[in-house]
N, C-alpha and C. Protein backbone atom coordinates (compact mmCIF):
# COMPACT_ATOMS: atom_id res chain seq x y z
N MET A 1 -44.08 -17.24 47.97
CA MET A 1 -42.81 -16.69 48.27
C MET A 1 -41.64 -17.01 46.82
N ASN A 2 -42.69 -18.09 46.08
CA ASN A 2 -41.59 -18.53 45.06
C ASN A 2 -42.08 -16.94 44.00
N ALA A 3 -43.39 -16.93 43.97
CA ALA A 3 -43.81 -16.33 42.80
C ALA A 3 -42.76 -14.37 43.06
N ILE A 4 -42.30 -14.17 44.88
CA ILE A 4 -41.78 -13.07 44.69
C ILE A 4 -40.52 -13.06 44.20
N LYS A 5 -40.09 -14.44 44.54
CA LYS A 5 -38.22 -14.56 44.07
C LYS A 5 -38.54 -14.24 42.87
N GLU A 6 -39.28 -15.15 41.83
CA GLU A 6 -39.21 -14.94 40.50
C GLU A 6 -39.43 -13.17 40.06
N GLN A 7 -40.36 -12.68 40.24
CA GLN A 7 -40.76 -11.19 40.50
C GLN A 7 -39.45 -10.31 40.89
N GLN A 8 -38.44 -10.60 41.48
CA GLN A 8 -37.08 -10.66 41.71
C GLN A 8 -35.71 -11.17 40.87
N THR A 9 -36.28 -12.08 40.24
CA THR A 9 -35.43 -12.32 39.23
C THR A 9 -35.14 -11.68 38.23
N GLN A 10 -36.97 -11.19 37.18
CA GLN A 10 -37.26 -10.91 36.74
C GLN A 10 -36.43 -9.51 36.47
N LEU A 11 -36.98 -8.48 37.64
CA LEU A 11 -36.66 -7.31 37.64
C LEU A 11 -35.45 -6.53 37.73
N GLY A 12 -34.48 -8.04 38.58
CA GLY A 12 -33.55 -7.54 38.57
C GLY A 12 -32.43 -7.91 37.00
N ALA A 13 -32.90 -8.76 36.44
CA ALA A 13 -32.34 -9.12 34.55
C ALA A 13 -32.62 -7.29 34.29
N LEU A 14 -33.63 -7.16 34.48
CA LEU A 14 -34.34 -5.51 33.73
C LEU A 14 -33.57 -4.39 34.05
N THR A 15 -33.19 -4.84 35.20
CA THR A 15 -32.30 -3.46 35.82
C THR A 15 -30.73 -3.36 35.81
N VAL A 16 -30.33 -4.57 35.19
CA VAL A 16 -28.47 -4.68 34.91
C VAL A 16 -28.28 -4.02 33.22
N PRO A 17 -27.82 -2.53 33.68
CA PRO A 17 -27.64 -2.29 32.19
C PRO A 17 -26.40 -3.36 31.30
N GLU A 18 -26.80 -3.31 29.94
CA GLU A 18 -25.92 -4.05 29.47
C GLU A 18 -25.08 -2.80 28.66
N ILE A 19 -23.58 -2.83 28.57
CA ILE A 19 -23.10 -1.84 28.40
C ILE A 19 -22.72 -2.05 26.93
N ALA A 20 -22.99 -1.30 26.00
CA ALA A 20 -22.33 -1.52 24.34
C ALA A 20 -20.81 -1.32 23.98
N VAL A 21 -19.81 -0.86 24.97
CA VAL A 21 -18.52 -0.68 24.43
C VAL A 21 -17.64 -0.76 25.91
N PRO A 22 -17.78 -1.88 26.46
CA PRO A 22 -17.38 -1.44 28.38
C PRO A 22 -15.59 -1.67 28.10
N THR A 23 -14.91 -1.36 26.72
CA THR A 23 -13.63 -1.38 27.42
C THR A 23 -13.04 -0.36 26.00
N ALA A 24 -11.55 0.33 26.83
CA ALA A 24 -11.45 1.09 25.68
C ALA A 24 -10.66 0.78 24.34
N GLN A 25 -10.57 -0.84 24.11
CA GLN A 25 -10.13 -1.52 23.27
C GLN A 25 -11.23 -1.57 21.97
N ARG A 26 -12.62 -2.32 23.02
CA ARG A 26 -13.67 -2.00 21.85
C ARG A 26 -13.88 -0.55 21.33
N ALA A 27 -13.53 0.60 21.99
CA ALA A 27 -14.48 1.82 21.08
C ALA A 27 -13.50 1.84 20.35
N ILE A 28 -11.92 1.65 20.92
CA ILE A 28 -10.70 1.86 19.87
C ILE A 28 -11.24 1.11 18.39
N THR A 29 -11.21 -0.13 18.94
CA THR A 29 -11.91 -0.88 17.19
C THR A 29 -13.07 0.04 16.44
N LEU A 30 -14.52 0.25 17.50
CA LEU A 30 -15.50 1.27 16.89
C LEU A 30 -15.28 1.89 15.77
N VAL A 31 -14.33 2.57 16.90
CA VAL A 31 -13.78 4.37 15.62
C VAL A 31 -13.06 3.74 14.69
N ASN A 32 -11.82 3.29 14.86
CA ASN A 32 -11.30 2.71 13.85
C ASN A 32 -12.01 2.45 12.44
N ARG A 33 -12.99 1.47 12.69
CA ARG A 33 -13.78 1.02 11.44
C ARG A 33 -14.34 2.10 10.93
N TRP A 34 -14.94 3.10 11.45
CA TRP A 34 -15.81 4.27 11.10
C TRP A 34 -14.76 5.07 10.22
N LEU A 35 -13.35 5.87 10.64
CA LEU A 35 -12.87 6.05 10.21
C LEU A 35 -12.01 5.70 8.78
N GLN A 36 -11.92 4.06 8.92
CA GLN A 36 -11.31 3.64 7.70
C GLN A 36 -12.89 3.80 6.60
N LYS A 37 -13.61 3.54 6.84
CA LYS A 37 -15.03 3.95 6.18
C LYS A 37 -14.57 4.90 5.57
N GLU A 38 -14.72 6.12 6.91
CA GLU A 38 -15.25 7.57 6.17
C GLU A 38 -14.01 8.51 5.54
N THR A 39 -12.59 8.19 6.04
CA THR A 39 -11.43 8.72 5.94
C THR A 39 -10.53 7.76 4.62
N ALA A 40 -9.40 8.19 5.57
CA ALA A 40 -8.11 6.77 5.06
C ALA A 40 -7.62 5.96 6.06
N MET A 41 -6.60 5.47 5.22
CA MET A 41 -5.63 4.74 6.62
C MET A 41 -4.58 5.08 7.63
N LEU A 42 -4.21 6.66 7.01
CA LEU A 42 -3.32 7.21 7.98
C LEU A 42 -3.92 8.11 9.11
N ILE A 43 -5.16 7.95 8.95
CA ILE A 43 -6.55 8.30 10.17
C ILE A 43 -6.39 7.87 11.02
N HIS A 44 -5.81 7.75 12.23
CA HIS A 44 -6.56 6.47 12.94
C HIS A 44 -6.85 7.07 14.70
N VAL A 45 -7.19 5.99 15.67
CA VAL A 45 -7.15 6.43 17.06
C VAL A 45 -6.02 5.24 17.45
N THR A 46 -5.43 5.31 18.56
CA THR A 46 -4.56 5.13 19.50
C THR A 46 -4.77 4.77 20.83
N ASP A 47 -5.87 5.82 21.80
CA ASP A 47 -5.66 5.32 22.52
C ASP A 47 -7.38 5.49 22.69
N ALA A 48 -8.06 4.95 24.14
CA ALA A 48 -9.48 5.54 24.86
C ALA A 48 -9.33 6.04 25.93
N THR A 49 -10.37 7.41 26.88
CA THR A 49 -9.99 7.59 27.74
C THR A 49 -11.97 7.46 28.55
N PHE A 50 -12.12 6.45 29.34
CA PHE A 50 -13.14 6.67 29.77
C PHE A 50 -13.46 8.40 30.83
N ASN A 51 -15.11 8.27 30.74
CA ASN A 51 -15.20 9.72 31.54
C ASN A 51 -16.46 9.17 32.39
N PRO A 52 -16.18 8.76 33.87
CA PRO A 52 -17.33 8.42 34.24
C PRO A 52 -18.44 9.01 34.61
N ILE A 53 -18.30 10.52 34.32
CA ILE A 53 -19.57 11.55 34.48
C ILE A 53 -20.55 11.67 33.14
N THR A 54 -19.75 12.05 32.21
CA THR A 54 -20.37 11.79 31.21
C THR A 54 -20.51 10.40 30.73
N TYR A 55 -19.78 9.45 30.66
CA TYR A 55 -19.96 7.73 30.52
C TYR A 55 -20.21 7.52 28.61
N CYS A 56 -19.03 8.52 28.30
CA CYS A 56 -18.45 8.30 27.08
C CYS A 56 -17.03 8.42 27.15
N TRP A 57 -16.57 7.49 26.01
CA TRP A 57 -15.12 7.62 25.87
C TRP A 57 -14.84 8.37 24.79
N TYR A 58 -13.67 8.77 25.61
CA TYR A 58 -13.13 10.00 24.68
C TYR A 58 -12.19 9.59 23.81
N LEU A 59 -11.76 9.34 22.58
CA LEU A 59 -10.91 9.25 21.37
C LEU A 59 -10.13 10.23 20.37
N PRO A 60 -9.13 10.78 20.63
CA PRO A 60 -8.18 11.56 20.18
C PRO A 60 -7.83 11.08 18.33
N VAL A 61 -8.33 11.38 17.37
CA VAL A 61 -8.16 11.04 16.36
C VAL A 61 -6.67 11.85 15.63
N LYS A 62 -5.79 10.92 15.13
CA LYS A 62 -4.52 10.98 14.93
C LYS A 62 -4.54 11.00 13.57
N LEU A 63 -2.90 11.41 12.72
CA LEU A 63 -2.49 11.17 11.58
C LEU A 63 -1.36 10.73 11.84
N SER A 64 -0.84 9.41 11.06
CA SER A 64 0.66 8.75 11.52
C SER A 64 1.01 8.23 9.83
N TYR A 65 1.98 8.53 10.06
CA TYR A 65 3.13 7.89 8.28
C TYR A 65 3.59 6.86 9.07
N PRO A 66 3.79 5.99 8.34
CA PRO A 66 4.73 4.60 8.40
C PRO A 66 5.86 4.75 8.90
N ASP A 67 6.37 6.05 8.18
CA ASP A 67 8.12 5.51 8.42
C ASP A 67 8.25 6.96 9.16
N ARG A 68 7.28 7.65 9.77
CA ARG A 68 7.64 9.07 10.77
C ARG A 68 6.60 8.77 12.13
N GLY A 69 5.88 7.75 12.02
CA GLY A 69 4.92 6.58 13.59
C GLY A 69 4.31 8.28 13.12
N THR A 70 3.15 8.53 14.73
CA THR A 70 2.33 9.66 14.63
C THR A 70 2.88 11.05 14.77
N ILE A 71 2.31 11.89 13.61
CA ILE A 71 2.49 13.86 13.25
C ILE A 71 2.08 14.20 14.24
N GLY A 72 0.08 13.57 14.49
CA GLY A 72 -0.17 14.61 15.56
C GLY A 72 -1.48 14.87 15.39
N GLU A 73 -2.20 15.01 17.18
CA GLU A 73 -3.85 14.99 16.76
C GLU A 73 -4.52 16.02 15.85
N ILE A 74 -5.60 15.44 15.40
CA ILE A 74 -6.48 16.45 14.17
C ILE A 74 -7.98 16.33 14.62
N GLY A 75 -8.29 15.76 15.35
CA GLY A 75 -9.41 15.70 16.24
C GLY A 75 -9.64 14.95 17.12
N ASP A 76 -11.22 15.02 17.54
CA ASP A 76 -11.79 14.13 18.37
C ASP A 76 -12.52 13.19 18.35
N VAL A 77 -13.16 11.97 18.75
CA VAL A 77 -14.74 11.62 18.77
C VAL A 77 -15.02 11.02 20.25
N TYR A 78 -16.41 11.48 20.57
CA TYR A 78 -16.56 10.89 21.73
C TYR A 78 -18.05 9.79 21.14
N LEU A 79 -17.62 8.44 22.15
CA LEU A 79 -18.44 7.92 22.26
C LEU A 79 -19.08 7.39 23.36
N ASN A 80 -20.57 6.96 23.18
CA ASN A 80 -21.20 6.32 24.42
C ASN A 80 -21.21 5.25 25.04
N ALA A 81 -20.21 5.01 25.69
CA ALA A 81 -20.10 3.70 26.47
C ALA A 81 -21.42 3.04 26.74
N MET A 82 -22.86 3.42 26.84
CA MET A 82 -23.70 2.45 26.95
C MET A 82 -24.27 2.20 26.12
N THR A 83 -24.45 3.11 24.96
CA THR A 83 -25.70 3.06 23.74
C THR A 83 -24.68 2.21 22.73
N GLY A 84 -23.24 3.02 22.34
CA GLY A 84 -22.22 2.62 21.39
C GLY A 84 -22.73 3.95 20.74
N GLN A 85 -23.47 4.81 20.73
CA GLN A 85 -23.45 5.75 19.61
C GLN A 85 -22.56 6.64 19.96
N PHE A 86 -21.95 7.77 18.32
CA PHE A 86 -21.61 8.39 18.54
C PHE A 86 -21.85 9.42 19.33
N VAL A 87 -21.32 10.45 20.15
CA VAL A 87 -21.84 11.54 20.83
C VAL A 87 -21.15 12.97 20.15
N GLY A 88 -20.08 12.79 19.88
CA GLY A 88 -19.31 14.28 19.40
C GLY A 88 -18.45 13.19 18.05
N LEU A 89 -18.74 13.78 16.89
CA LEU A 89 -18.15 13.10 15.92
C LEU A 89 -17.48 14.02 14.95
N PRO A 90 -16.28 14.21 14.19
CA PRO A 90 -16.19 14.82 12.99
C PRO A 90 -16.65 14.95 12.13
N ASP A 91 -16.37 16.32 11.67
CA ASP A 91 -16.85 15.74 9.96
C ASP A 91 -15.83 14.79 9.27
N PRO A 92 -15.72 13.94 8.25
CA PRO A 92 -14.78 13.02 7.30
C PRO A 92 -14.37 14.54 6.66
N ASN A 93 -14.72 15.04 5.90
CA ASN A 93 -14.33 15.84 5.20
C ASN A 93 -12.74 16.90 5.79
N ASN A 94 -13.64 17.82 7.47
CA ASN A 94 -12.49 18.53 8.02
C ASN A 94 -11.48 17.55 8.29
N LEU A 95 -11.86 16.27 9.19
CA LEU A 95 -10.40 15.59 9.23
C LEU A 95 -9.54 15.38 8.63
N LEU A 96 -10.02 14.78 6.86
CA LEU A 96 -9.41 15.30 5.92
C LEU A 96 -8.34 16.09 5.86
N ARG A 97 -9.27 17.56 5.84
CA ARG A 97 -8.40 18.45 5.29
C ARG A 97 -7.32 18.78 6.35
N ARG A 98 -7.55 18.70 7.98
CA ARG A 98 -6.95 18.91 9.09
C ARG A 98 -5.67 17.95 8.84
N ALA A 99 -5.87 16.67 8.45
CA ALA A 99 -4.91 16.03 8.06
C ALA A 99 -3.27 16.15 6.61
N GLU A 100 -4.52 16.91 6.13
CA GLU A 100 -3.54 17.32 4.70
C GLU A 100 -2.71 18.52 5.04
N ALA A 101 -3.42 19.55 5.69
CA ALA A 101 -2.65 20.77 6.48
C ALA A 101 -1.36 20.35 7.28
N LEU A 102 -1.84 19.30 8.30
CA LEU A 102 -0.61 19.01 9.19
C LEU A 102 -0.30 18.23 8.42
N ALA A 103 0.22 17.63 7.51
CA ALA A 103 1.27 16.77 6.39
C ALA A 103 1.89 17.81 5.89
N GLU A 104 1.08 18.69 5.23
CA GLU A 104 1.91 19.58 4.50
C GLU A 104 3.06 20.49 5.59
N SER A 105 2.54 20.72 7.35
CA SER A 105 2.88 21.69 7.31
C SER A 105 4.15 21.22 8.36
N ASN A 106 4.21 19.56 7.80
CA ASN A 106 5.60 18.75 8.51
C ASN A 106 6.23 18.51 7.42
N GLY A 107 6.48 18.94 6.58
CA GLY A 107 7.04 18.44 4.47
C GLY A 107 6.95 17.18 3.89
N LEU A 108 5.69 16.61 4.58
CA LEU A 108 5.10 14.84 4.38
C LEU A 108 4.94 14.72 2.75
N ILE A 109 3.87 16.58 2.82
CA ILE A 109 3.48 16.26 0.96
C ILE A 109 3.29 18.16 0.56
N GLU A 110 3.65 18.08 -0.44
CA GLU A 110 3.60 19.58 -1.05
C GLU A 110 1.36 20.05 -1.21
N ARG A 111 1.41 21.15 -1.51
CA ARG A 111 -0.03 21.23 -2.13
C ARG A 111 0.18 21.76 -3.43
N ASP A 112 -0.26 21.26 -4.14
CA ASP A 112 -0.94 21.56 -5.65
C ASP A 112 -1.00 23.29 -5.97
N ASP A 113 -0.22 23.92 -6.73
CA ASP A 113 -0.59 25.14 -7.05
C ASP A 113 -1.00 25.33 -7.71
N ASP A 114 -2.37 24.67 -8.10
CA ASP A 114 -3.34 24.81 -8.81
C ASP A 114 -4.72 25.12 -7.48
N GLU A 115 -4.45 24.78 -6.31
CA GLU A 115 -5.22 24.87 -5.13
C GLU A 115 -5.56 25.90 -4.64
């Protein structure tokens, strides 16, 4: 009987999944770390929504300025909650181009005439 109980205990340990990104705050932290490394400090995420069907976190990427707050959304990221792997990840250069265009359209920067 003890052998069966030990096998059930071992099986239980193997079948209980460990979730790499269990909370919205953890998802936000991981994505912001990536954004800071790949883009700029003005680009960040502030919220995450969990989709139980895909088991992914959806995080809208936003541009903000200290004196203006959030200017707008420039992309999004999808993060698998189980593995912690990025499922949908925008190209950093595209994010920077979108951020620049949004900042320009809001009068926050002026484009060089040489561009």
